[in-house]
Amino acid sequence: RLNPLDTPTGAYSLVNLDAGIEPVLFGHRIGIDVTALNVGDT
């Protein structure tokens, strides 16, 4: 349902992944997180 001023775009799907750990190093808890967005490079 486009307005006359709109530019149409197609449908698409994205896959995202994330992982993390919280080890204790030198008496302090450290958060290490990795996130990958658009893994398939769509």
Full PDB file with SEQRES, HELIX, SHEET, SSBOND, CRYST1, ORIGX, SCALE, CONECT and MASTER records, all heavy atoms in Angstrom:
SEQRES   1 A   42  ARG LEU ASN PRO LEU ASP THR PRO THR GLY ALA TYR SER          
SEQRES   2 A   42  LEU VAL ASN LEU ASP ALA GLY ILE GLU PRO VAL LEU PHE          
SEQRES   3 A   42  GLY HIS ARG ILE GLY ILE ASP VAL THR ALA LEU ASN VAL          
SEQRES   4 A   42  GLY ASP THR                                                  
SHEET    1 AA1 2 LEU A  17  ILE A  21  0                                        
SHEET    2 AA1 2 ILE A  32  ALA A  36 -1                                        
SHEET    1 AA2 2 VAL A  24  LEU A  25  0                                        
SHEET    2 AA2 2 HIS A  28  ARG A  29 -1                                        
CRYST1    1.000    1.000    1.000  90.00  90.00  90.00 P 1           1          
ORIGX1      1.000000  0.000000  0.000000        0.00000                         
ORIGX2      0.000000  1.000000  0.000000        0.00000                         
ORIGX3      0.000000  0.000000  1.000000        0.00000                         
SCALE1      1.000000  0.000000  0.000000        0.00000                         
SCALE2      0.000000  1.000000  0.000000        0.00000                         
SCALE3      0.000000  0.000000  1.000000        0.00000                         
ATOM      1  N   ARG A   1       0.864  -1.192   0.000  1.00  0.00           N  
ATOM      2  CA  ARG A   1       0.000   0.000   0.000  1.00  0.00           C  
ATOM      3  C   ARG A   1       0.891   1.230   0.000  1.00  0.00           C  
ATOM      4  O   ARG A   1       1.231   1.770   1.045  1.00  0.00           O  
ATOM      5  CB  ARG A   1      -0.910  -0.006   1.220  1.00  0.00           C  
ATOM      6  CG  ARG A   1      -1.876  -1.188   1.205  1.00  0.00           C  
ATOM      7  CD  ARG A   1      -3.000  -1.010   2.185  1.00  0.00           C  
ATOM      8  NE  ARG A   1      -3.739   0.202   1.837  1.00  0.00           N  
ATOM      9  CZ  ARG A   1      -4.319   0.999   2.720  1.00  0.00           C  
ATOM     10  NH1 ARG A   1      -4.240   0.750   3.991  1.00  0.00           N  
ATOM     11  NH2 ARG A   1      -4.984   2.069   2.325  1.00  0.00           N  
ATOM     12  N   LEU A   2       1.283   1.661  -1.186  1.00  0.00           N  
ATOM     13  CA  LEU A   2       2.230   2.764  -1.317  1.00  0.00           C  
ATOM     14  C   LEU A   2       1.525   4.096  -1.528  1.00  0.00           C  
ATOM     15  O   LEU A   2       0.549   4.189  -2.263  1.00  0.00           O  
ATOM     16  CB  LEU A   2       3.176   2.521  -2.495  1.00  0.00           C  
ATOM     17  CG  LEU A   2       4.087   1.306  -2.384  1.00  0.00           C  
ATOM     18  CD1 LEU A   2       4.785   1.057  -3.700  1.00  0.00           C  
ATOM     19  CD2 LEU A   2       5.089   1.495  -1.273  1.00  0.00           C  
ATOM     20  N   ASN A   3       2.062   5.120  -0.892  1.00  0.00           N  
ATOM     21  CA  ASN A   3       1.680   6.487  -1.159  1.00  0.00           C  
ATOM     22  C   ASN A   3       2.348   6.874  -2.481  1.00  0.00           C  
ATOM     23  O   ASN A   3       3.418   6.344  -2.805  1.00  0.00           O  
ATOM     24  CB  ASN A   3       2.175   7.376  -0.009  1.00  0.00           C  
ATOM     25  CG  ASN A   3       1.753   8.811  -0.153  1.00  0.00           C  
ATOM     26  OD1 ASN A   3       2.347   9.567  -0.921  1.00  0.00           O  
ATOM     27  ND2 ASN A   3       0.741   9.199   0.597  1.00  0.00           N  
ATOM     28  N   PRO A   4       1.799   7.771  -3.275  1.00  0.00           N  
ATOM     29  CA  PRO A   4       2.452   8.163  -4.527  1.00  0.00           C  
ATOM     30  C   PRO A   4       3.877   8.699  -4.350  1.00  0.00           C  
ATOM     31  O   PRO A   4       4.679   8.649  -5.277  1.00  0.00           O  
ATOM     32  CB  PRO A   4       1.534   9.245  -5.086  1.00  0.00           C  
ATOM     33  CG  PRO A   4       0.201   8.974  -4.487  1.00  0.00           C  
ATOM     34  CD  PRO A   4       0.475   8.393  -3.133  1.00  0.00           C  
ATOM     35  N   LEU A   5       4.213   9.179  -3.162  1.00  0.00           N  
ATOM     36  CA  LEU A   5       5.558   9.710  -2.914  1.00  0.00           C  
ATOM     37  C   LEU A   5       6.549   8.642  -2.457  1.00  0.00           C  
ATOM     38  O   LEU A   5       7.736   8.913  -2.334  1.00  0.00           O  
ATOM     39  CB  LEU A   5       5.491  10.817  -1.856  1.00  0.00           C  
ATOM     40  CG  LEU A   5       4.587  12.001  -2.183  1.00  0.00           C  
ATOM     41  CD1 LEU A   5       4.511  12.951  -0.999  1.00  0.00           C  
ATOM     42  CD2 LEU A   5       5.092  12.720  -3.419  1.00  0.00           C  
ATOM     43  N   ASP A   6       6.084   7.411  -2.186  1.00  0.00           N  
ATOM     44  CA  ASP A   6       6.945   6.341  -1.688  1.00  0.00           C  
ATOM     45  C   ASP A   6       7.716   5.655  -2.804  1.00  0.00           C  
ATOM     46  O   ASP A   6       7.257   5.564  -3.936  1.00  0.00           O  
ATOM     47  CB  ASP A   6       6.118   5.283  -0.947  1.00  0.00           C  
ATOM     48  CG  ASP A   6       5.648   5.741   0.418  1.00  0.00           C  
ATOM     49  OD1 ASP A   6       6.295   6.620   1.008  1.00  0.00           O  
ATOM     50  OD2 ASP A   6       4.628   5.195   0.886  1.00  0.00           O  
ATOM     51  N   THR A   7       8.894   5.110  -2.439  1.00  0.00           N  
ATOM     52  CA  THR A   7       9.698   4.279  -3.331  1.00  0.00           C  
ATOM     53  C   THR A   7       9.531   2.837  -2.873  1.00  0.00           C  
ATOM     54  O   THR A   7       9.807   2.533  -1.707  1.00  0.00           O  
ATOM     55  CB  THR A   7      11.183   4.674  -3.253  1.00  0.00           C  
ATOM     56  OG1 THR A   7      11.310   6.053  -3.582  1.00  0.00           O  
ATOM     57  CG2 THR A   7      12.032   3.831  -4.182  1.00  0.00           C  
ATOM     58  N   PRO A   8       9.075   1.922  -3.745  1.00  0.00           N  
ATOM     59  CA  PRO A   8       8.849   0.540  -3.305  1.00  0.00           C  
ATOM     60  C   PRO A   8      10.155  -0.205  -3.040  1.00  0.00           C  
ATOM     61  O   PRO A   8      11.191   0.087  -3.635  1.00  0.00           O  
ATOM     62  CB  PRO A   8       8.093  -0.092  -4.476  1.00  0.00           C  
ATOM     63  CG  PRO A   8       8.453   0.739  -5.655  1.00  0.00           C  
ATOM     64  CD  PRO A   8       8.729   2.124  -5.142  1.00  0.00           C  
ATOM     65  N   THR A   9      10.104  -1.153  -2.114  1.00  0.00           N  
ATOM     66  CA  THR A   9      11.237  -2.039  -1.832  1.00  0.00           C  
ATOM     67  C   THR A   9      10.699  -3.463  -1.732  1.00  0.00           C  
ATOM     68  O   THR A   9       9.517  -3.667  -1.488  1.00  0.00           O  
ATOM     69  CB  THR A   9      11.932  -1.676  -0.500  1.00  0.00           C  
ATOM     70  OG1 THR A   9      10.988  -1.757   0.555  1.00  0.00           O  
ATOM     71  CG2 THR A   9      12.524  -0.274  -0.554  1.00  0.00           C  
ATOM     72  N   GLY A  10      11.572  -4.439  -1.911  1.00  0.00           N  
ATOM     73  CA  GLY A  10      11.155  -5.833  -1.865  1.00  0.00           C  
ATOM     74  C   GLY A  10      11.189  -6.409  -0.460  1.00  0.00           C  
ATOM     75  O   GLY A  10      11.715  -5.800   0.477  1.00  0.00           O  
ATOM     76  N   ALA A  11      10.646  -7.609  -0.302  1.00  0.00           N  
ATOM     77  CA  ALA A  11      10.690  -8.334   0.968  1.00  0.00           C  
ATOM     78  C   ALA A  11      12.092  -8.902   1.173  1.00  0.00           C  
ATOM     79  O   ALA A  11      12.823  -9.149   0.212  1.00  0.00           O  
ATOM     80  CB  ALA A  11       9.665  -9.454   0.952  1.00  0.00           C  
ATOM     81  N   TYR A  12      12.466  -9.102   2.425  1.00  0.00           N  
ATOM     82  CA  TYR A  12      13.773  -9.689   2.729  1.00  0.00           C  
ATOM     83  C   TYR A  12      13.749 -10.300   4.126  1.00  0.00           C  
ATOM     84  O   TYR A  12      12.892  -9.986   4.947  1.00  0.00           O  
ATOM     85  CB  TYR A  12      14.900  -8.651   2.624  1.00  0.00           C  
ATOM     86  CG  TYR A  12      14.730  -7.460   3.537  1.00  0.00           C  
ATOM     87  CD1 TYR A  12      15.311  -7.438   4.799  1.00  0.00           C  
ATOM     88  CD2 TYR A  12      13.988  -6.359   3.139  1.00  0.00           C  
ATOM     89  CE1 TYR A  12      15.156  -6.350   5.634  1.00  0.00           C  
ATOM     90  CE2 TYR A  12      13.834  -5.260   3.961  1.00  0.00           C  
ATOM     91  CZ  TYR A  12      14.425  -5.268   5.208  1.00  0.00           C  
ATOM     92  OH  TYR A  12      14.259  -4.176   6.038  1.00  0.00           O  
ATOM     93  N   SER A  13      14.709 -11.207   4.363  1.00  0.00           N  
ATOM     94  CA  SER A  13      14.858 -11.855   5.670  1.00  0.00           C  
ATOM     95  C   SER A  13      16.304 -11.728   6.122  1.00  0.00           C  
ATOM     96  O   SER A  13      17.225 -11.801   5.301  1.00  0.00           O  
ATOM     97  CB  SER A  13      14.496 -13.333   5.593  1.00  0.00           C  
ATOM     98  OG  SER A  13      13.134 -13.480   5.274  1.00  0.00           O  
ATOM     99  N   LEU A  14      16.494 -11.553   7.426  1.00  0.00           N  
ATOM    100  CA  LEU A  14      17.828 -11.422   8.011  1.00  0.00           C  
ATOM    101  C   LEU A  14      17.996 -12.452   9.122  1.00  0.00           C  
ATOM    102  O   LEU A  14      17.057 -12.736   9.862  1.00  0.00           O  
ATOM    103  CB  LEU A  14      18.029 -10.024   8.596  1.00  0.00           C  
ATOM    104  CG  LEU A  14      17.838  -8.845   7.646  1.00  0.00           C  
ATOM    105  CD1 LEU A  14      17.944  -7.533   8.409  1.00  0.00           C  
ATOM    106  CD2 LEU A  14      18.833  -8.891   6.518  1.00  0.00           C  
ATOM    107  N   VAL A  15      19.213 -12.994   9.248  1.00  0.00           N  
ATOM    108  CA  VAL A  15      19.547 -13.936  10.316  1.00  0.00           C  
ATOM    109  C   VAL A  15      20.592 -13.272  11.203  1.00  0.00           C  
ATOM    110  O   VAL A  15      21.594 -12.744  10.706  1.00  0.00           O  
ATOM    111  CB  VAL A  15      20.101 -15.256   9.741  1.00  0.00           C  
ATOM    112  CG1 VAL A  15      20.556 -16.179  10.861  1.00  0.00           C  
ATOM    113  CG2 VAL A  15      19.061 -15.932   8.870  1.00  0.00           C  
ATOM    114  N   ASN A  16      20.349 -13.284  12.519  1.00  0.00           N  
ATOM    115  CA  ASN A  16      21.260 -12.684  13.485  1.00  0.00           C  
ATOM    116  C   ASN A  16      21.657 -13.733  14.526  1.00  0.00           C  
ATOM    117  O   ASN A  16      20.840 -14.560  14.927  1.00  0.00           O  
ATOM    118  CB  ASN A  16      20.590 -11.504  14.197  1.00  0.00           C  
ATOM    119  CG  ASN A  16      20.064 -10.478  13.222  1.00  0.00           C  
ATOM    120  OD1 ASN A  16      20.716 -10.115  12.264  1.00  0.00           O  
ATOM    121  ND2 ASN A  16      18.857 -10.009  13.455  1.00  0.00           N  
ATOM    122  N   LEU A  17      22.919 -13.703  14.968  1.00  0.00           N  
ATOM    123  CA  LEU A  17      23.433 -14.629  15.977  1.00  0.00           C  
ATOM    124  C   LEU A  17      24.072 -13.839  17.108  1.00  0.00           C  
ATOM    125  O   LEU A  17      24.611 -12.751  16.873  1.00  0.00           O  
ATOM    126  CB  LEU A  17      24.489 -15.557  15.378  1.00  0.00           C  
ATOM    127  CG  LEU A  17      24.092 -16.391  14.170  1.00  0.00           C  
ATOM    128  CD1 LEU A  17      25.314 -17.122  13.617  1.00  0.00           C  
ATOM    129  CD2 LEU A  17      23.012 -17.382  14.548  1.00  0.00           C  
ATOM    130  N   ASP A  18      24.032 -14.375  18.315  1.00  0.00           N  
ATOM    131  CA  ASP A  18      24.771 -13.747  19.415  1.00  0.00           C  
ATOM    132  C   ASP A  18      25.214 -14.803  20.408  1.00  0.00           C  
ATOM    133  O   ASP A  18      24.594 -15.862  20.529  1.00  0.00           O  
ATOM    134  CB  ASP A  18      23.933 -12.659  20.102  1.00  0.00           C  
ATOM    135  CG  ASP A  18      22.801 -13.206  20.920  1.00  0.00           C  
ATOM    136  OD1 ASP A  18      21.803 -13.664  20.344  1.00  0.00           O  
ATOM    137  OD2 ASP A  18      22.917 -13.175  22.153  1.00  0.00           O  
ATOM    138  N   ALA A  19      26.328 -14.518  21.101  1.00  0.00           N  
ATOM    139  CA  ALA A  19      26.862 -15.423  22.113  1.00  0.00           C  
ATOM    140  C   ALA A  19      27.639 -14.594  23.120  1.00  0.00           C  
ATOM    141  O   ALA A  19      28.146 -13.514  22.796  1.00  0.00           O  
ATOM    142  CB  ALA A  19      27.774 -16.470  21.475  1.00  0.00           C  
ATOM    143  N   GLY A  20      27.736 -15.092  24.338  1.00  0.00           N  
ATOM    144  CA  GLY A  20      28.484 -14.366  25.352  1.00  0.00           C  
ATOM    145  C   GLY A  20      28.811 -15.226  26.551  1.00  0.00           C  
ATOM    146  O   GLY A  20      28.163 -16.247  26.809  1.00  0.00           O  
ATOM    147  N   ILE A  21      29.850 -14.802  27.273  1.00  0.00           N  
ATOM    148  CA  ILE A  21      30.242 -15.448  28.518  1.00  0.00           C  
ATOM    149  C   ILE A  21      30.549 -14.354  29.537  1.00  0.00           C  
ATOM    150  O   ILE A  21      30.801 -13.199  29.179  1.00  0.00           O  
ATOM    151  CB  ILE A  21      31.471 -16.379  28.344  1.00  0.00           C  
ATOM    152  CG1 ILE A  21      32.677 -15.600  27.806  1.00  0.00           C  
ATOM    153  CG2 ILE A  21      31.153 -17.559  27.457  1.00  0.00           C  
ATOM    154  CD1 ILE A  21      33.961 -16.410  27.778  1.00  0.00           C  
ATOM    155  N   GLU A  22      30.524 -14.726  30.809  1.00  0.00           N  
ATOM    156  CA  GLU A  22      30.850 -13.798  31.894  1.00  0.00           C  
ATOM    157  C   GLU A  22      31.811 -14.480  32.859  1.00  0.00           C  
ATOM    158  O   GLU A  22      31.451 -14.832  33.987  1.00  0.00           O  
ATOM    159  CB  GLU A  22      29.589 -13.345  32.627  1.00  0.00           C  
ATOM    160  CG  GLU A  22      28.676 -12.486  31.809  1.00  0.00           C  
ATOM    161  CD  GLU A  22      27.449 -12.040  32.590  1.00  0.00           C  
ATOM    162  OE1 GLU A  22      27.342 -12.339  33.809  1.00  0.00           O  
ATOM    163  OE2 GLU A  22      26.593 -11.398  31.977  1.00  0.00           O  
ATOM    164  N   PRO A  23      33.095 -14.665  32.482  1.00  0.00           N  
ATOM    165  CA  PRO A  23      34.056 -15.300  33.385  1.00  0.00           C  
ATOM    166  C   PRO A  23      34.522 -14.311  34.460  1.00  0.00           C  
ATOM    167  O   PRO A  23      34.343 -13.107  34.329  1.00  0.00           O  
ATOM    168  CB  PRO A  23      35.211 -15.671  32.451  1.00  0.00           C  
ATOM    169  CG  PRO A  23      35.164 -14.625  31.394  1.00  0.00           C  
ATOM    170  CD  PRO A  23      33.692 -14.325  31.195  1.00  0.00           C  
ATOM    171  N   VAL A  24      35.126 -14.860  35.505  1.00  0.00           N  
ATOM    172  CA  VAL A  24      35.729 -14.027  36.548  1.00  0.00           C  
ATOM    173  C   VAL A  24      37.227 -13.981  36.284  1.00  0.00           C  
ATOM    174  O   VAL A  24      37.896 -15.011  36.259  1.00  0.00           O  
ATOM    175  CB  VAL A  24      35.437 -14.595  37.954  1.00  0.00           C  
ATOM    176  CG1 VAL A  24      36.148 -13.780  39.012  1.00  0.00           C  
ATOM    177  CG2 VAL A  24      33.938 -14.630  38.202  1.00  0.00           C  
ATOM    178  N   LEU A  25      37.751 -12.784  36.021  1.00  0.00           N  
ATOM    179  CA  LEU A  25      39.177 -12.581  35.770  1.00  0.00           C  
ATOM    180  C   LEU A  25      39.715 -11.589  36.785  1.00  0.00           C  
ATOM    181  O   LEU A  25      39.180 -10.491  36.935  1.00  0.00           O  
ATOM    182  CB  LEU A  25      39.415 -12.045  34.356  1.00  0.00           C  
ATOM    183  CG  LEU A  25      38.983 -12.941  33.193  1.00  0.00           C  
ATOM    184  CD1 LEU A  25      39.133 -12.214  31.872  1.00  0.00           C  
ATOM    185  CD2 LEU A  25      39.809 -14.215  33.186  1.00  0.00           C  
ATOM    186  N   PHE A  26      40.779 -11.990  37.493  1.00  0.00           N  
ATOM    187  CA  PHE A  26      41.420 -11.126  38.486  1.00  0.00           C  
ATOM    188  C   PHE A  26      40.425 -10.607  39.515  1.00  0.00           C  
ATOM    189  O   PHE A  26      40.480  -9.458  39.939  1.00  0.00           O  
ATOM    190  CB  PHE A  26      42.141  -9.953  37.802  1.00  0.00           C  
ATOM    191  CG  PHE A  26      43.083 -10.383  36.721  1.00  0.00           C  
ATOM    192  CD1 PHE A  26      42.816 -10.098  35.398  1.00  0.00           C  
ATOM    193  CD2 PHE A  26      44.228 -11.103  37.032  1.00  0.00           C  
ATOM    194  CE1 PHE A  26      43.671 -10.491  34.403  1.00  0.00           C  
ATOM    195  CE2 PHE A  26      45.099 -11.498  36.029  1.00  0.00           C  
ATOM    196  CZ  PHE A  26      44.821 -11.198  34.720  1.00  0.00           C  
ATOM    197  N   GLY A  27      39.476 -11.449  39.894  1.00  0.00           N  
ATOM    198  CA  GLY A  27      38.501 -11.089  40.910  1.00  0.00           C  
ATOM    199  C   GLY A  27      37.335 -10.250  40.428  1.00  0.00           C  
ATOM    200  O   GLY A  27      36.503  -9.837  41.221  1.00  0.00           O  
ATOM    201  N   HIS A  28      37.261  -9.978  39.138  1.00  0.00           N  
ATOM    202  CA  HIS A  28      36.168  -9.175  38.578  1.00  0.00           C  
ATOM    203  C   HIS A  28      35.438  -9.983  37.514  1.00  0.00           C  
ATOM    204  O   HIS A  28      36.067 -10.687  36.724  1.00  0.00           O  
ATOM    205  CB  HIS A  28      36.698  -7.879  37.948  1.00  0.00           C  
ATOM    206  CG  HIS A  28      37.366  -6.982  38.915  1.00  0.00           C  
ATOM    207  ND1 HIS A  28      36.681  -6.170  39.777  1.00  0.00           N  
ATOM    208  CD2 HIS A  28      38.683  -6.763  39.174  1.00  0.00           C  
ATOM    209  CE1 HIS A  28      37.527  -5.491  40.516  1.00  0.00           C  
ATOM    210  NE2 HIS A  28      38.760  -5.839  40.165  1.00  0.00           N  
ATOM    211  N   ARG A  29      34.127  -9.837  37.487  1.00  0.00           N  
ATOM    212  CA  ARG A  29      33.346 -10.513  36.445  1.00  0.00           C  
ATOM    213  C   ARG A  29      33.379  -9.646  35.188  1.00  0.00           C  
ATOM    214  O   ARG A  29      33.110  -8.447  35.222  1.00  0.00           O  
ATOM    215  CB  ARG A  29      31.914 -10.735  36.907  1.00  0.00           C  
ATOM    216  CG  ARG A  29      31.198 -11.762  36.086  1.00  0.00           C  
ATOM    217  CD  ARG A  29      29.995 -12.356  36.772  1.00  0.00           C  
ATOM    218  NE  ARG A  29      29.228 -11.406  37.540  1.00  0.00           N  
ATOM    219  CZ  ARG A  29      27.919 -11.227  37.414  1.00  0.00           C  
ATOM    220  NH1 ARG A  29      27.242 -11.960  36.564  1.00  0.00           N  
ATOM    221  NH2 ARG A  29      27.296 -10.360  38.150  1.00  0.00           N  
ATOM    222  N   ILE A  30      33.729 -10.268  34.065  1.00  0.00           N  
ATOM    223  CA  ILE A  30      33.864  -9.579  32.778  1.00  0.00           C  
ATOM    224  C   ILE A  30      32.837 -10.165  31.808  1.00  0.00           C  
ATOM    225  O   ILE A  30      32.703 -11.382  31.707  1.00  0.00           O  
ATOM    226  CB  ILE A  30      35.281  -9.785  32.176  1.00  0.00           C  
ATOM    227  CG1 ILE A  30      36.360  -9.395  33.172  1.00  0.00           C  
ATOM    228  CG2 ILE A  30      35.435  -9.034  30.866  1.00  0.00           C  
ATOM    229  CD1 ILE A  30      36.397  -7.934  33.523  1.00  0.00           C  
ATOM    230  N   GLY A  31      32.135  -9.313  31.079  1.00  0.00           N  
ATOM    231  CA  GLY A  31      31.203  -9.775  30.055  1.00  0.00           C  
ATOM    232  C   GLY A  31      31.846  -9.689  28.684  1.00  0.00           C  
ATOM    233  O   GLY A  31      32.383  -8.642  28.310  1.00  0.00           O  
ATOM    234  N   ILE A  32      31.838 -10.774  27.957  1.00  0.00           N  
ATOM    235  CA  ILE A  32      32.370 -10.816  26.592  1.00  0.00           C  
ATOM    236  C   ILE A  32      31.235 -11.291  25.694  1.00  0.00           C  
ATOM    237  O   ILE A  32      30.777 -12.425  25.807  1.00  0.00           O  
ATOM    238  CB  ILE A  32      33.571 -11.772  26.473  1.00  0.00           C  
ATOM    239  CG1 ILE A  32      34.656 -11.367  27.473  1.00  0.00           C  
ATOM    240  CG2 ILE A  32      34.104 -11.782  25.046  1.00  0.00           C  
ATOM    241  CD1 ILE A  32      35.756 -12.405  27.640  1.00  0.00           C  
ATOM    242  N   ASP A  33      30.758 -10.405  24.827  1.00  0.00           N  
ATOM    243  CA  ASP A  33      29.631 -10.716  23.946  1.00  0.00           C  
ATOM    244  C   ASP A  33      30.017 -10.491  22.492  1.00  0.00           C  
ATOM    245  O   ASP A  33      30.689  -9.503  22.164  1.00  0.00           O  
ATOM    246  CB  ASP A  33      28.432  -9.828  24.267  1.00  0.00           C  
ATOM    247  CG  ASP A  33      27.853 -10.131  25.631  1.00  0.00           C  
ATOM    248  OD1 ASP A  33      27.271 -11.215  25.777  1.00  0.00           O  
ATOM    249  OD2 ASP A  33      28.001  -9.293  26.539  1.00  0.00           O  
ATOM    250  N   VAL A  34      29.573 -11.394  21.620  1.00  0.00           N  
ATOM    251  CA  VAL A  34      29.763 -11.261  20.180  1.00  0.00           C  
ATOM    252  C   VAL A  34      28.387 -11.342  19.530  1.00  0.00           C  
ATOM    253  O   VAL A  34      27.616 -12.259  19.815  1.00  0.00           O  
ATOM    254  CB  VAL A  34      30.677 -12.363  19.612  1.00  0.00           C  
ATOM    255  CG1 VAL A  34      30.784 -12.258  18.104  1.00  0.00           C  
ATOM    256  CG2 VAL A  34      32.043 -12.312  20.252  1.00  0.00           C  
ATOM    257  N   THR A  35      28.082 -10.368  18.675  1.00  0.00           N  
ATOM    258  CA  THR A  35      26.818 -10.347  17.949  1.00  0.00           C  
ATOM    259  C   THR A  35      27.122 -10.250  16.464  1.00  0.00           C  
ATOM    260  O   THR A  35      27.946  -9.434  16.055  1.00  0.00           O  
ATOM    261  CB  THR A  35      25.960  -9.138  18.383  1.00  0.00           C  
ATOM    262  OG1 THR A  35      25.761  -9.201  19.789  1.00  0.00           O  
ATOM    263  CG2 THR A  35      24.620  -9.136  17.676  1.00  0.00           C  
ATOM    264  N   ALA A  36      26.489 -11.070  15.664  1.00  0.00           N  
ATOM    265  CA  ALA A  36      26.636 -11.019  14.201  1.00  0.00           C  
ATOM    266  C   ALA A  36      25.258 -10.720  13.612  1.00  0.00           C  
ATOM    267  O   ALA A  36      24.327 -11.510  13.772  1.00  0.00           O  
ATOM    268  CB  ALA A  36      27.180 -12.330  13.673  1.00  0.00           C  
ATOM    269  N   LEU A  37      25.144  -9.574  12.968  1.00  0.00           N  
ATOM    270  CA  LEU A  37      23.892  -9.162  12.338  1.00  0.00           C  
ATOM    271  C   LEU A  37      23.966  -9.431  10.843  1.00  0.00           C  
ATOM    272  O   LEU A  37      25.027  -9.248  10.233  1.00  0.00           O  
ATOM    273  CB  LEU A  37      23.639  -7.681  12.593  1.00  0.00           C  
ATOM    274  CG  LEU A  37      23.622  -7.241  14.060  1.00  0.00           C  
ATOM    275  CD1 LEU A  37      23.529  -5.732  14.162  1.00  0.00           C  
ATOM    276  CD2 LEU A  37      22.483  -7.908  14.787  1.00  0.00           C  
ATOM    277  N   ASN A  38      22.870  -9.831  10.248  1.00  0.00           N  
ATOM    278  CA  ASN A  38      22.802 -10.123   8.811  1.00  0.00           C  
ATOM    279  C   ASN A  38      23.894 -11.124   8.418  1.00  0.00           C  
ATOM    280  O   ASN A  38      24.705 -10.875   7.536  1.00  0.00           O  
ATOM    281  CB  ASN A  38      22.897  -8.832   7.988  1.00  0.00           C  
ATOM    282  CG  ASN A  38      22.585  -9.041   6.531  1.00  0.00           C  
ATOM    283  OD1 ASN A  38      22.149 -10.108   6.114  1.00  0.00           O  
ATOM    284  ND2 ASN A  38      22.810  -8.009   5.745  1.00  0.00           N  
ATOM    285  N   VAL A  39      23.905 -12.251   9.091  1.00  0.00           N  
ATOM    286  CA  VAL A  39      24.938 -13.278   8.899  1.00  0.00           C  
ATOM    287  C   VAL A  39      25.052 -13.714   7.440  1.00  0.00           C  
ATOM    288  O   VAL A  39      26.150 -13.953   6.943  1.00  0.00           O  
ATOM    289  CB  VAL A  39      24.658 -14.500   9.813  1.00  0.00           C  
ATOM    290  CG1 VAL A  39      25.606 -15.636   9.519  1.00  0.00           C  
ATOM    291  CG2 VAL A  39      24.739 -14.087  11.259  1.00  0.00           C  
ATOM    292  N   GLY A  40      23.956 -13.798   6.736  1.00  0.00           N  
ATOM    293  CA  GLY A  40      23.969 -14.230   5.339  1.00  0.00           C  
ATOM    294  C   GLY A  40      24.393 -13.148   4.366  1.00  0.00           C  
ATOM    295  O   GLY A  40      24.421 -13.370   3.159  1.00  0.00           O  
ATOM    296  N   ASP A  41      24.742 -11.963   4.861  1.00  0.00           N  
ATOM    297  CA  ASP A  41      25.161 -10.827   4.027  1.00  0.00           C  
ATOM    298  C   ASP A  41      24.125 -10.522   2.944  1.00  0.00           C  
ATOM    299  O   ASP A  41      24.443 -10.315   1.783  1.00  0.00           O  
ATOM    300  CB  ASP A  41      26.534 -11.084   3.424  1.00  0.00           C  
ATOM    301  CG  ASP A  41      27.230  -9.789   3.022  1.00  0.00           C  
ATOM    302  OD1 ASP A  41      26.840  -8.713   3.519  1.00  0.00           O  
ATOM    303  OD2 ASP A  41      28.150  -9.845   2.181  1.00  0.00           O  
ATOM    304  N   THR A  42      22.863 -10.519   3.338  1.00  0.00           N  
ATOM    305  CA  THR A  42      21.748 -10.263   2.428  1.00  0.00           C  
ATOM    306  C   THR A  42      21.761  -8.820   1.948  1.00  0.00           C  
ATOM    307  O   THR A  42      21.916  -7.906   2.750  1.00  0.00           O  
ATOM    308  CB  THR A  42      20.410 -10.540   3.157  1.00  0.00           C  
ATOM    309  OG1 THR A  42      20.422 -11.890   3.619  1.00  0.00           O  
ATOM    310  CG2 THR A  42      19.218 -10.298   2.259  1.00  0.00           C  
TER     311      THR A  42                                                      
MASTER        0    0    0    0    4    0    0    6  310    1    0    4          
END                                                                             
